[in-house]
C-alpha atoms as a PDB file:
ATOM      1  CA  MET A   1     -99.910 -46.267-196.706  1.00  0.00           C
ATOM      2  CA  GLN A   2     -96.968 -46.406-194.368  1.00  0.00           C
ATOM      3  CA  GLN A   3     -95.810 -42.979-193.229  1.00  0.00           C
ATOM      4  CA  ARG A   4     -92.319 -41.838-194.171  1.00  0.00           C
ATOM      5  CA  LEU A   5     -90.418 -40.933-191.029  1.00  0.00           C
ATOM      6  CA  PHE A   6     -86.822 -40.445-191.977  1.00  0.00           C
ATOM      7  CA  CYS A   7     -85.120 -38.380-194.686  1.00  0.00           C
ATOM      8  CA  ARG A   8     -81.636 -39.266-195.864  1.00  0.00           C
ATOM      9  CA  MET A   9     -80.484 -35.796-196.800  1.00  0.00           C
ATOM     10  CA  SER A  10     -79.069 -33.879-193.810  1.00  0.00           C
ATOM     11  CA  LEU A  11     -80.681 -30.578-192.858  1.00  0.00           C
ATOM     12  CA  PRO A  12     -77.644 -28.340-193.508  1.00  0.00           C
ATOM     13  CA  ILE A  13     -77.519 -29.597-197.118  1.00  0.00           C
ATOM     14  CA  ARG A  14     -81.244 -28.959-197.477  1.00  0.00           C
ATOM     15  CA  ALA A  15     -80.776 -25.517-195.975  1.00  0.00           C
ATOM     16  CA  MET A  16     -78.036 -24.552-198.407  1.00  0.00           C
ATOM     17  CA  ARG A  17     -80.027 -25.719-201.419  1.00  0.00           C
ATOM     18  CA  LEU A  18     -83.184 -24.005-200.290  1.00  0.00           C
ATOM     19  CA  ALA A  19     -81.336 -20.789-199.511  1.00  0.00           C
ATOM     20  CA  LYS A  20     -80.144 -20.460-203.100  1.00  0.00           C
ATOM     21  CA  ASN A  21     -83.746 -20.226-204.260  1.00  0.00           C
ATOM     22  CA  LEU A  22     -85.484 -18.641-201.286  1.00  0.00           C
ATOM     23  CA  GLY A  23     -83.204 -16.720-198.908  1.00  0.00           C
ATOM     24  CA  GLN A  24     -86.261 -15.603-196.988  1.00  0.00           C
ATOM     25  CA  ASN A  25     -86.690 -13.966-193.583  1.00  0.00           C
ATOM     26  CA  TYR A  26     -89.730 -14.912-191.515  1.00  0.00           C
ATOM     27  CA  ALA A  27     -91.504 -12.409-189.325  1.00  0.00           C
ATOM     28  CA  GLY A  28     -92.423 -13.355-185.816  1.00  0.00           C
ATOM     29  CA  CYS A  29     -89.202 -15.191-184.929  1.00  0.00           C
ATOM     30  CA  ALA A  30     -87.462 -13.858-181.850  1.00  0.00           C
ATOM     31  CA  ARG A  31     -84.183 -14.788-183.530  1.00  0.00           C
ATOM     32  CA  PRO A  32     -84.656 -14.232-187.297  1.00  0.00           C
ATOM     33  CA  PHE A  33     -83.252 -16.521-189.980  1.00  0.00           C
ATOM     34  CA  THR A  34     -79.997 -15.499-191.562  1.00  0.00           C
ATOM     35  CA  HIS A  35     -80.388 -14.473-195.197  1.00  0.00           C
ATOM     36  CA  HIS A  36     -77.909 -17.041-196.469  1.00  0.00           C
ATOM     37  CA  ARG A  37     -78.359 -20.799-195.961  1.00  0.00           C
ATOM     38  CA  ALA A  38     -81.822 -20.145-194.510  1.00  0.00           C
ATOM     39  CA  VAL A  39     -84.117 -23.047-193.725  1.00  0.00           C
ATOM     40  CA  SER A  40     -87.530 -22.624-195.296  1.00  0.00           C
ATOM     41  CA  ARG A  41     -90.192 -23.173-192.683  1.00  0.00           C
ATOM     42  CA  ARG A  42     -92.777 -23.605-195.420  1.00  0.00           C
ATOM     43  CA  ARG A  43     -90.715 -26.255-197.216  1.00  0.00           C
ATOM     44  CA  LEU A  44     -89.856 -28.079-193.960  1.00  0.00           C
ATOM     45  CA  THR A  45     -93.499 -28.160-192.964  1.00  0.00           C
ATOM     46  CA  THR A  46     -94.375 -29.654-196.317  1.00  0.00           C
ATOM     47  CA  MET A  47     -91.730 -32.358-195.973  1.00  0.00           C
ATOM     48  CA  ALA A  48     -92.716 -33.150-192.381  1.00  0.00           C
ATOM     49  CA  SER A  49     -96.369 -33.603-193.270  1.00  0.00           C
ATOM     50  CA  ALA A  50     -96.021 -35.163-196.701  1.00  0.00           C
ATOM     51  CA  GLU A  51     -97.971 -38.197-195.508  1.00  0.00           C
ATOM     52  CA  PRO A  52    -101.515 -37.693-194.166  1.00  0.00           C
ATOM     53  CA  ALA A  53    -101.913 -37.752-190.383  1.00  0.00           C
ATOM     54  CA  SER A  54    -103.528 -40.859-188.957  1.00  0.00           C
ATOM     55  CA  GLU A  55    -107.193 -40.696-188.039  1.00  0.00           C
ATOM     56  CA  TRP A  56    -106.352 -40.966-184.337  1.00  0.00           C
ATOM     57  CA  LEU A  57    -103.865 -38.109-184.539  1.00  0.00           C
ATOM     58  CA  GLN A  58    -106.666 -35.932-185.906  1.00  0.00           C
ATOM     59  CA  GLN A  59    -109.071 -37.011-183.155  1.00  0.00           C
ATOM     60  CA  ASP A  60    -106.736 -36.976-180.156  1.00  0.00           C
ATOM     61  CA  SER A  61    -106.133 -33.974-177.908  1.00  0.00           C
ATOM     62  CA  ARG A  62    -102.561 -33.728-176.639  1.00  0.00           C
ATOM     63  CA  ARG A  63    -100.531 -31.310-174.572  1.00  0.00           C
ATOM     64  CA  MET A  64     -97.254 -31.316-172.697  1.00  0.00           C
ATOM     65  CA  LEU A  65     -97.935 -32.000-168.997  1.00  0.00           C
ATOM     66  CA  HIS A  66     -94.620 -31.942-167.180  1.00  0.00           C
ATOM     67  CA  ALA A  67     -90.891 -32.621-167.436  1.00  0.00           C
ATOM     68  CA  VAL A  68     -89.391 -35.161-165.048  1.00  0.00           C
ATOM     69  CA  TYR A  69     -85.817 -34.986-163.794  1.00  0.00           C
ATOM     70  CA  ARG A  70     -83.688 -35.891-160.787  1.00  0.00           C
ATOM     71  CA  VAL A  71     -82.202 -33.402-158.331  1.00  0.00           C
ATOM     72  CA  GLY A  72     -79.687 -33.615-155.517  1.00  0.00           C
ATOM     73  CA  ASP A  73     -81.330 -31.407-152.879  1.00  0.00           C
ATOM     74  CA  MET A  74     -85.079 -30.952-153.050  1.00  0.00           C
ATOM     75  CA  GLN A  75     -85.421 -27.895-150.829  1.00  0.00           C
ATOM     76  CA  LYS A  76     -82.639 -25.980-152.578  1.00  0.00           C
ATOM     77  CA  HIS A  77     -84.392 -26.510-155.901  1.00  0.00           C
ATOM     78  CA  ILE A  78     -87.782 -25.485-154.572  1.00  0.00           C
ATOM     79  CA  ASP A  79     -86.235 -22.291-153.198  1.00  0.00           C
ATOM     80  CA  PHE A  80     -84.435 -21.626-156.511  1.00  0.00           C
ATOM     81  CA  TYR A  81     -87.552 -22.077-158.665  1.00  0.00           C
ATOM     82  CA  LYS A  82     -89.515 -19.753-156.412  1.00  0.00           C
ATOM     83  CA  LEU A  83     -86.957 -17.086-157.349  1.00  0.00           C
ATOM     84  CA  LEU A  84     -88.123 -17.591-160.947  1.00  0.00           C
ATOM     85  CA  GLY A  85     -91.720 -17.024-159.863  1.00  0.00           C
ATOM     86  CA  MET A  86     -92.918 -20.632-159.717  1.00  0.00           C
ATOM     87  CA  LYS A  87     -95.179 -22.061-157.054  1.00  0.00           C
ATOM     88  CA  LEU A  88     -94.890 -25.391-155.280  1.00  0.00           C
ATOM     89  CA  LEU A  89     -98.037 -27.168-156.506  1.00  0.00           C
ATOM     90  CA  ARG A  90     -97.772 -30.451-154.604  1.00  0.00           C
ATOM     91  CA  GLN A  91     -95.222 -32.689-152.948  1.00  0.00           C
ATOM     92  CA  ARG A  92     -95.209 -36.362-151.981  1.00  0.00           C
ATOM     93  CA  ASP A  93     -92.831 -38.629-150.117  1.00  0.00           C
ATOM     94  CA  ILE A  94     -92.607 -42.355-150.941  1.00  0.00           C
ATOM     95  CA  PRO A  95     -90.508 -43.772-148.082  1.00  0.00           C
ATOM     96  CA  ASP A  96     -90.988 -47.402-149.127  1.00  0.00           C
ATOM     97  CA  ASP A  97     -89.228 -46.654-152.424  1.00  0.00           C
ATOM     98  CA  LYS A  98     -86.943 -44.012-150.901  1.00  0.00           C
ATOM     99  CA  TYR A  99     -87.777 -41.015-153.058  1.00  0.00           C
ATOM    100  CA  THR A 100     -89.652 -37.705-152.922  1.00  0.00           C
ATOM    101  CA  ASN A 101     -91.470 -35.811-155.704  1.00  0.00           C
ATOM    102  CA  ALA A 102     -92.251 -32.111-155.961  1.00  0.00           C
ATOM    103  CA  PHE A 103     -94.314 -30.460-158.697  1.00  0.00           C
ATOM    104  CA  LEU A 104     -93.770 -26.780-159.479  1.00  0.00           C
ATOM    105  CA  GLY A 105     -95.106 -24.406-162.109  1.00  0.00           C
ATOM    106  CA  PHE A 106     -96.743 -21.077-162.867  1.00  0.00           C
ATOM    107  CA  GLY A 107    -100.320 -22.368-162.874  1.00  0.00           C
ATOM    108  CA  PRO A 108    -102.535 -25.382-162.091  1.00  0.00           C
ATOM    109  CA  GLU A 109    -101.405 -28.693-163.569  1.00  0.00           C
ATOM    110  CA  ASP A 110    -104.723 -29.252-165.326  1.00  0.00           C
ATOM    111  CA  THR A 111    -104.030 -26.233-167.550  1.00  0.00           C
ATOM    112  CA  ASN A 112    -100.291 -25.466-167.315  1.00  0.00           C
ATOM    113  CA  PHE A 113     -96.978 -27.196-167.886  1.00  0.00           C
ATOM    114  CA  ALA A 114     -95.067 -28.164-164.733  1.00  0.00           C
ATOM    115  CA  ILE A 115     -91.759 -29.631-163.633  1.00  0.00           C
ATOM    116  CA  GLU A 116     -91.662 -32.831-161.591  1.00  0.00           C
ATOM    117  CA  LEU A 117     -88.565 -33.100-159.417  1.00  0.00           C
ATOM    118  CA  THR A 118     -87.404 -36.445-158.068  1.00  0.00           C
ATOM    119  CA  TYR A 119     -85.095 -36.694-155.076  1.00  0.00           C
ATOM    120  CA  ASN A 120     -83.736 -40.190-154.420  1.00  0.00           C
ATOM    121  CA  TYR A 121     -82.721 -40.652-150.799  1.00  0.00           C
ATOM    122  CA  GLY A 122     -78.973 -40.215-150.349  1.00  0.00           C
ATOM    123  CA  VAL A 123     -78.167 -39.219-153.951  1.00  0.00           C
ATOM    124  CA  ASP A 124     -76.862 -35.658-154.037  1.00  0.00           C
ATOM    125  CA  SER A 125     -75.538 -35.295-157.602  1.00  0.00           C
ATOM    126  CA  TYR A 126     -76.269 -36.419-161.165  1.00  0.00           C
ATOM    127  CA  ASP A 127     -74.566 -36.465-164.543  1.00  0.00           C
ATOM    128  CA  ILE A 128     -76.738 -34.193-166.683  1.00  0.00           C
ATOM    129  CA  GLY A 129     -74.983 -35.313-169.868  1.00  0.00           C
ATOM    130  CA  GLU A 130     -74.836 -33.526-173.219  1.00  0.00           C
ATOM    131  CA  GLY A 131     -78.300 -34.181-174.657  1.00  0.00           C
ATOM    132  CA  PHE A 132     -80.435 -32.072-172.349  1.00  0.00           C
ATOM    133  CA  GLY A 133     -79.962 -28.392-173.112  1.00  0.00           C
ATOM    134  CA  HIS A 134     -82.157 -26.165-170.954  1.00  0.00           C
ATOM    135  CA  PHE A 135     -85.615 -25.212-169.820  1.00  0.00           C
ATOM    136  CA  GLY A 136     -87.013 -21.859-170.913  1.00  0.00           C
ATOM    137  CA  VAL A 137     -88.973 -19.353-168.835  1.00  0.00           C
ATOM    138  CA  ALA A 138     -90.722 -16.316-170.317  1.00  0.00           C
ATOM    139  CA  LEU A 139     -90.534 -13.288-168.031  1.00  0.00           C
ATOM    140  CA  PRO A 140     -91.560  -9.646-168.519  1.00  0.00           C
ATOM    141  CA  ASP A 141     -88.285  -8.259-167.086  1.00  0.00           C
ATOM    142  CA  VAL A 142     -85.236 -10.516-167.402  1.00  0.00           C
ATOM    143  CA  ALA A 143     -82.834  -8.011-165.823  1.00  0.00           C
ATOM    144  CA  ALA A 144     -85.010  -7.820-162.702  1.00  0.00           C
ATOM    145  CA  ALA A 145     -85.197 -11.612-162.578  1.00  0.00           C
ATOM    146  CA  VAL A 146     -81.405 -11.841-162.776  1.00  0.00           C
ATOM    147  CA  ASP A 147     -81.065  -9.439-159.837  1.00  0.00           C
ATOM    148  CA  LYS A 148     -83.575 -11.477-157.826  1.00  0.00           C
ATOM    149  CA  ILE A 149     -81.769 -14.754-158.533  1.00  0.00           C
ATOM    150  CA  LYS A 150     -78.437 -13.249-157.515  1.00  0.00           C
ATOM    151  CA  ALA A 151     -79.912 -11.806-154.339  1.00  0.00           C
ATOM    152  CA  GLY A 152     -81.304 -15.233-153.497  1.00  0.00           C
ATOM    153  CA  GLY A 153     -77.917 -16.892-153.909  1.00  0.00           C
ATOM    154  CA  GLY A 154     -78.563 -18.358-157.379  1.00  0.00           C
ATOM    155  CA  THR A 155     -76.024 -18.670-160.201  1.00  0.00           C
ATOM    156  CA  ILE A 156     -76.214 -16.592-163.380  1.00  0.00           C
ATOM    157  CA  THR A 157     -74.074 -17.885-166.262  1.00  0.00           C
ATOM    158  CA  ARG A 158     -75.078 -15.214-168.811  1.00  0.00           C
ATOM    159  CA  GLU A 159     -76.104 -11.707-167.873  1.00  0.00           C
ATOM    160  CA  ALA A 160     -79.261 -10.135-169.278  1.00  0.00           C
ATOM    161  CA  GLY A 161     -78.805  -8.729-172.765  1.00  0.00           C
ATOM    162  CA  PRO A 162     -79.911  -9.038-176.393  1.00  0.00           C
ATOM    163  CA  VAL A 163     -79.428 -12.366-178.135  1.00  0.00           C
ATOM    164  CA  LYS A 164     -76.677 -12.311-180.749  1.00  0.00           C
ATOM    165  CA  GLY A 165     -78.069 -11.074-184.034  1.00  0.00           C
ATOM    166  CA  GLY A 166     -81.400 -10.049-182.519  1.00  0.00           C
ATOM    167  CA  SER A 167     -83.152  -7.845-179.996  1.00  0.00           C
ATOM    168  CA  THR A 168     -84.792 -10.341-177.611  1.00  0.00           C
ATOM    169  CA  VAL A 169     -83.310  -9.983-174.122  1.00  0.00           C
ATOM    170  CA  ILE A 170     -82.226 -13.273-172.551  1.00  0.00           C
ATOM    171  CA  ALA A 171     -80.105 -14.545-169.663  1.00  0.00           C
ATOM    172  CA  PHE A 172     -79.052 -17.963-168.391  1.00  0.00           C
ATOM    173  CA  ALA A 173     -79.183 -19.323-164.853  1.00  0.00           C
ATOM    174  CA  LYS A 174     -77.989 -22.620-163.402  1.00  0.00           C
ATOM    175  CA  ASP A 175     -80.013 -24.443-160.744  1.00  0.00           C
ATOM    176  CA  PRO A 176     -78.395 -26.245-157.771  1.00  0.00           C
ATOM    177  CA  THR A 177     -77.961 -29.564-159.633  1.00  0.00           C
ATOM    178  CA  GLY A 178     -76.630 -27.842-162.754  1.00  0.00           C
ATOM    179  CA  TYR A 179     -79.640 -27.762-165.102  1.00  0.00           C
ATOM    180  CA  MET A 180     -79.605 -24.661-167.289  1.00  0.00           C
ATOM    181  CA  TRP A 181     -82.510 -22.206-167.451  1.00  0.00           C
ATOM    182  CA  GLU A 182     -82.924 -19.676-170.248  1.00  0.00           C
ATOM    183  CA  LEU A 183     -84.756 -16.522-169.144  1.00  0.00           C
ATOM    184  CA  ILE A 184     -86.546 -15.008-172.143  1.00  0.00           C
ATOM    185  CA  GLN A 185     -88.046 -11.524-172.039  1.00  0.00           C
ATOM    186  CA  ARG A 186     -91.626 -11.625-173.323  1.00  0.00           C
ATOM    187  CA  PRO A 187     -94.906  -9.901-172.490  1.00  0.00           C
ATOM    188  CA  GLN A 188     -97.323 -11.535-170.067  1.00  0.00           C
ATOM    189  CA  THR A 189     -98.154 -15.083-171.197  1.00  0.00           C
ATOM    190  CA  LYS A 190    -100.497 -17.851-170.077  1.00  0.00           C
ATOM    191  CA  GLU A 191     -97.548 -20.274-169.956  1.00  0.00           C
ATOM    192  CA  PRO A 192     -94.273 -18.793-168.662  1.00  0.00           C
ATOM    193  CA  LEU A 193     -92.677 -22.267-168.475  1.00  0.00           C
ATOM    194  CA  CYS A 194     -92.232 -22.149-172.224  1.00  0.00           C
ATOM    195  CA  GLN A 195     -89.448 -24.453-173.529  1.00  0.00           C
ATOM    196  CA  VAL A 196     -87.727 -27.800-173.151  1.00  0.00           C
ATOM    197  CA  MET A 197     -84.547 -27.832-175.246  1.00  0.00           C
ATOM    198  CA  LEU A 198     -82.949 -31.115-176.353  1.00  0.00           C
ATOM    199  CA  ARG A 199     -80.012 -31.715-178.700  1.00  0.00           C
ATOM    200  CA  VAL A 200     -80.540 -34.105-181.606  1.00  0.00           C
ATOM    201  CA  GLY A 201     -78.305 -35.823-184.143  1.00  0.00           C
ATOM    202  CA  ASP A 202     -80.487 -35.426-187.263  1.00  0.00           C
ATOM    203  CA  LEU A 203     -82.885 -32.498-187.197  1.00  0.00           C
ATOM    204  CA  GLN A 204     -85.021 -33.486-190.162  1.00  0.00           C
ATOM    205  CA  ARG A 205     -85.391 -37.012-188.787  1.00  0.00           C
ATOM    206  CA  SER A 206     -86.568 -35.542-185.471  1.00  0.00           C
ATOM    207  CA  ILE A 207     -88.967 -33.105-187.148  1.00  0.00           C
ATOM    208  CA  ASP A 208     -90.489 -35.994-189.089  1.00  0.00           C
ATOM    209  CA  TYR A 209     -90.817 -38.047-185.896  1.00  0.00           C
ATOM    210  CA  PHE A 210     -92.437 -35.369-183.759  1.00  0.00           C
ATOM    211  CA  THR A 211     -94.881 -34.314-186.485  1.00  0.00           C
ATOM    212  CA  ASN A 212     -95.799 -37.687-188.035  1.00  0.00           C
ATOM    213  CA  VAL A 213     -95.573 -39.857-184.906  1.00  0.00           C
ATOM    214  CA  MET A 214     -96.132 -37.557-181.926  1.00  0.00           C
ATOM    215  CA  GLY A 215     -98.633 -35.246-183.606  1.00  0.00           C
ATOM    216  CA  MET A 216     -96.827 -31.959-182.912  1.00  0.00           C
ATOM    217  CA  LYS A 217     -96.734 -29.028-185.323  1.00  0.00           C
ATOM    218  CA  LEU A 218     -93.553 -27.479-186.638  1.00  0.00           C
ATOM    219  CA  LEU A 219     -93.824 -23.872-185.451  1.00  0.00           C
ATOM    220  CA  ARG A 220     -90.599 -22.342-186.770  1.00  0.00           C
ATOM    221  CA  THR A 221     -86.971 -23.054-187.585  1.00  0.00           C
ATOM    222  CA  ARG A 222     -83.802 -20.990-187.473  1.00  0.00           C
ATOM    223  CA  ASP A 223     -80.427 -21.726-189.027  1.00  0.00           C
ATOM    224  CA  VAL A 224     -77.349 -20.050-187.492  1.00  0.00           C
ATOM    225  CA  PRO A 225     -74.413 -20.866-189.812  1.00  0.00           C
ATOM    226  CA  ASP A 226     -71.997 -18.508-188.034  1.00  0.00           C
ATOM    227  CA  HIS A 227     -72.256 -20.728-184.952  1.00  0.00           C
ATOM    228  CA  LYS A 228     -72.975 -23.935-186.882  1.00  0.00           C
ATOM    229  CA  TYR A 229     -76.319 -24.933-185.430  1.00  0.00           C
ATOM    230  CA  THR A 230     -79.985 -25.083-186.450  1.00  0.00           C
ATOM    231  CA  LEU A 231     -83.073 -24.830-184.238  1.00  0.00           C
ATOM    232  CA  ALA A 232     -86.588 -26.172-184.653  1.00  0.00           C
ATOM    233  CA  PHE A 233     -89.546 -25.389-182.396  1.00  0.00           C
ATOM    234  CA  LEU A 234     -92.470 -27.825-182.208  1.00  0.00           C
ATOM    235  CA  GLY A 235     -95.558 -28.108-180.039  1.00  0.00           C
ATOM    236  CA  TYR A 236     -99.275 -28.730-179.675  1.00  0.00           C
ATOM    237  CA  GLY A 237    -100.282 -25.081-179.731  1.00  0.00           C
ATOM    238  CA  PRO A 238     -99.021 -21.543-180.390  1.00  0.00           C
ATOM    239  CA  GLU A 239     -95.607 -20.810-178.915  1.00  0.00           C
ATOM    240  CA  GLU A 240     -96.904 -17.688-177.160  1.00  0.00           C
ATOM    241  CA  ASP A 241     -99.250 -19.640-174.853  1.00  0.00           C
ATOM    242  CA  ASN A 242     -97.815 -23.167-174.627  1.00  0.00           C
ATOM    243  CA  CYS A 243     -94.685 -24.983-173.589  1.00  0.00           C
ATOM    244  CA  VAL A 244     -92.874 -26.120-176.734  1.00  0.00           C
ATOM    245  CA  LEU A 245     -90.053 -28.456-177.658  1.00  0.00           C
ATOM    246  CA  GLU A 246     -86.877 -26.757-178.901  1.00  0.00           C
ATOM    247  CA  LEU A 247     -84.587 -29.078-180.861  1.00  0.00           C
ATOM    248  CA  THR A 248     -80.966 -28.100-181.480  1.00  0.00           C
ATOM    249  CA  TYR A 249     -78.843 -29.644-184.222  1.00  0.00           C
ATOM    250  CA  ASN A 250     -75.123 -28.838-184.037  1.00  0.00           C
ATOM    251  CA  TYR A 251     -73.489 -29.285-187.450  1.00  0.00           C
ATOM    252  CA  GLY A 252     -71.735 -32.648-187.671  1.00  0.00           C
ATOM    253  CA  LYS A 253     -72.741 -33.849-184.199  1.00  0.00           C
ATOM    254  CA  THR A 254     -74.833 -37.022-184.403  1.00  0.00           C
ATOM    255  CA  GLU A 255     -74.818 -38.429-180.852  1.00  0.00           C
ATOM    256  CA  TYR A 256     -75.011 -37.102-177.307  1.00  0.00           C
ATOM    257  CA  ALA A 257     -74.360 -38.686-173.920  1.00  0.00           C
ATOM    258  CA  LYS A 258     -77.635 -38.675-171.981  1.00  0.00           C
ATOM    259  CA  GLY A 259     -76.363 -38.784-168.390  1.00  0.00           C
ATOM    260  CA  ASN A 260     -78.697 -39.879-165.588  1.00  0.00           C
ATOM    261  CA  GLY A 261     -80.383 -36.643-164.509  1.00  0.00           C
ATOM    262  CA  TYR A 262     -83.000 -35.704-167.105  1.00  0.00           C
ATOM    263  CA  ALA A 263     -85.684 -38.401-167.385  1.00  0.00           C
ATOM    264  CA  GLN A 264     -88.654 -37.629-169.661  1.00  0.00           C
ATOM    265  CA  VAL A 265     -91.580 -35.421-170.652  1.00  0.00           C
ATOM    266  CA  ALA A 266     -95.151 -36.507-169.942  1.00  0.00           C
ATOM    267  CA  LEU A 267     -97.886 -35.797-172.493  1.00  0.00           C
ATOM    268  CA  SER A 268    -101.662 -36.147-172.324  1.00  0.00           C
ATOM    269  CA  THR A 269    -103.763 -38.337-174.608  1.00  0.00           C
ATOM    270  CA  ARG A 270    -107.402 -39.361-174.626  1.00  0.00           C
ATOM    271  CA  ASP A 271    -106.537 -43.047-174.999  1.00  0.00           C
ATOM    272  CA  VAL A 272    -103.112 -44.587-174.333  1.00  0.00           C
ATOM    273  CA  TYR A 273    -104.049 -47.800-176.131  1.00  0.00           C
ATOM    274  CA  LYS A 274    -105.004 -46.050-179.363  1.00  0.00           C
ATOM    275  CA  THR A 275    -101.949 -43.813-179.092  1.00  0.00           C
ATOM    276  CA  ALA A 276     -99.682 -46.854-178.738  1.00  0.00           C
ATOM    277  CA  GLU A 277    -101.275 -48.403-181.832  1.00  0.00           C
ATOM    278  CA  GLN A 278    -100.870 -45.159-183.783  1.00  0.00           C
ATOM    279  CA  ILE A 279     -97.213 -44.743-182.793  1.00  0.00           C
ATOM    280  CA  ARG A 280     -96.390 -48.348-183.626  1.00  0.00           C
ATOM    281  CA  ALA A 281     -98.167 -48.105-187.004  1.00  0.00           C
ATOM    282  CA  ALA A 282     -96.203 -44.949-187.806  1.00  0.00           C
ATOM    283  CA  GLY A 283     -92.894 -46.715-187.167  1.00  0.00           C
ATOM    284  CA  GLY A 284     -92.281 -45.479-183.624  1.00  0.00           C
ATOM    285  CA  THR A 285     -90.847 -47.504-180.744  1.00  0.00           C
ATOM    286  CA  ILE A 286     -92.943 -48.459-177.710  1.00  0.00           C
ATOM    287  CA  SER A 287     -90.752 -48.745-174.614  1.00  0.00           C
ATOM    288  CA  ARG A 288     -93.630 -49.379-172.187  1.00  0.00           C
ATOM    289  CA  GLU A 289     -96.834 -51.040-173.286  1.00  0.00           C
ATOM    290  CA  PRO A 290    -100.038 -49.172-172.381  1.00  0.00           C
ATOM    291  CA  GLY A 291    -101.652 -50.009-169.073  1.00  0.00           C
ATOM    292  CA  PRO A 292    -102.261 -48.801-165.493  1.00  0.00           C
ATOM    293  CA  VAL A 293     -99.408 -47.871-163.184  1.00  0.00           C
ATOM    294  CA  PRO A 294     -99.294 -50.388-160.298  1.00  0.00           C
ATOM    295  CA  GLY A 295    -100.605 -48.913-157.074  1.00  0.00           C
ATOM    296  CA  ILE A 296    -101.899 -45.754-158.776  1.00  0.00           C
ATOM    297  CA  GLY A 297    -104.137 -46.925-161.606  1.00  0.00           C
ATOM    298  CA  THR A 298    -103.362 -44.094-164.018  1.00  0.00           C
ATOM    299  CA  LYS A 299    -102.960 -45.535-167.518  1.00  0.00           C
ATOM    300  CA  VAL A 300     -99.712 -44.656-169.300  1.00  0.00           C
ATOM    301  CA  MET A 301     -97.524 -45.768-172.192  1.00  0.00           C
ATOM    302  CA  ALA A 302     -94.010 -44.734-173.205  1.00  0.00           C
ATOM    303  CA  THR A 303     -92.093 -44.263-176.430  1.00  0.00           C
ATOM    304  CA  MET A 304     -88.472 -43.506-177.309  1.00  0.00           C
ATOM    305  CA  ASP A 305     -87.698 -40.928-179.982  1.00  0.00           C
ATOM    306  CA  PRO A 306     -84.897 -41.456-182.559  1.00  0.00           C
ATOM    307  CA  ASP A 307     -82.305 -39.904-180.219  1.00  0.00           C
ATOM    308  CA  GLY A 308     -83.282 -42.088-177.268  1.00  0.00           C
ATOM    309  CA  TYR A 309     -85.274 -39.525-175.258  1.00  0.00           C
ATOM    310  CA  LYS A 310     -88.245 -40.948-173.376  1.00  0.00           C
ATOM    311  CA  TRP A 311     -91.796 -39.608-173.779  1.00  0.00           C
ATOM    312  CA  VAL A 312     -94.651 -40.832-171.579  1.00  0.00           C
ATOM    313  CA  PHE A 313     -98.293 -40.508-172.641  1.00  0.00           C
ATOM    314  CA  VAL A 314    -100.779 -40.264-169.760  1.00  0.00           C
ATOM    315  CA  ASP A 315    -104.513 -40.868-170.003  1.00  0.00           C
ATOM    316  CA  GLU A 316    -106.136 -37.431-169.805  1.00  0.00           C
ATOM    317  CA  ASP A 317    -109.101 -38.456-167.640  1.00  0.00           C
ATOM    318  CA  ASP A 318    -106.907 -40.489-165.286  1.00  0.00           C
ATOM    319  CA  PHE A 319    -104.497 -37.583-164.917  1.00  0.00           C
ATOM    320  CA  ASN A 320    -107.265 -35.122-164.029  1.00  0.00           C
ATOM    321  CA  LYS A 321    -108.769 -37.638-161.602  1.00  0.00           C
ATOM    322  CA  GLU A 322    -105.338 -38.079-160.004  1.00  0.00           C
ATOM    323  CA  LEU A 323    -105.118 -34.317-159.467  1.00  0.00           C
ATOM    324  CA  GLU A 324    -108.592 -34.239-157.901  1.00  0.00           C
ATOM    325  CA  GLU A 325    -107.631 -37.011-155.496  1.00  0.00           C
ATOM    326  CA  VAL A 326    -104.355 -35.473-154.316  1.00  0.00           C
ATOM    327  CA  PRO A 327    -104.278 -35.766-150.492  1.00  0.00           C
ATOM    328  CA  LYS A 328    -104.420 -32.414-148.716  1.00  0.00           C
ATOM    329  CA  GLU A 329    -101.061 -33.055-147.093  1.00  0.00           C
ATOM    330  CA  GLU A 330     -99.465 -33.071-150.546  1.00  0.00           C
ATOM    331  CA  VAL A 331    -100.750 -29.582-151.369  1.00  0.00           C
ATOM    332  CA  PRO A 332     -98.585 -26.960-149.627  1.00  0.00           C
ATOM    333  CA  GLU A 333     -99.901 -23.691-148.269  1.00  0.00           C
ATOM    334  CA  GLN A 334     -98.761 -20.850-150.532  1.00  0.00           C
ATOM    335  CA  GLN A 335     -97.164 -17.919-148.786  1.00  0.00           C
END
């Protein structure tokens, strides 16, 4: 049976109808649902998984590996992310193709999410566009982090304080190229690099895609009618210990300019060929057929989600082998 990916009814309409009957609050959300026009997480989960998952989705083991984006000054970004508590994991220069990569994160790449920065020789600025929202970092003391960023010359766009309508302390910082970073106060976690936020034009369509096609789980939703937006959080594991995808739907907004800064998120899979077959069978779009990367050998495949964001699946064994074979000169000495 072909899986149903797209729902015609918009999420705000669903939310209003569900709220009349449910009007529920859900414990465990940092920013609780409003009583009126609430989105039922239970009902959304049912709709998103109405069709049975494919056999390969049940067998595969997936996680978010790293986010890839372009920056204008590599060293400035490395210095900025160290203010957040990240470590420079590895760095490589590709002079023949005129670019440099740096990988940063809070833990080893074989267990933790990371960011992959790309500096293209001679390009010092990028159009970030409207679609990319922010990255999220969980920190035990946001106010202290804000002071450290300021002392290091970084830019704070929102001071530390409770989120509107809730008690979670947050702040926002802007990195040297202009990417936004949400600082979220949470207890110690295994994965401080905790969110990638993207704006979407049809939230239910995206929820269906990321659950039925990408194999993620819908973790929670939150409707904020006073500010006319709805959030959905999805991922491959509990939000407390994994990086998750945060989708934002702004009422009435169906398209966003992508710019040329943010590139993609890489995900692991046990078999890129089977994953490509599964995505195609579920109605997804393959933008790069599965196969080895020339000159590297790591097998990858790529797909585009309904809003045009790129997602790259990487063979799990090849990725781990690539990490084991990283030349010593690419691994910096930590100070």
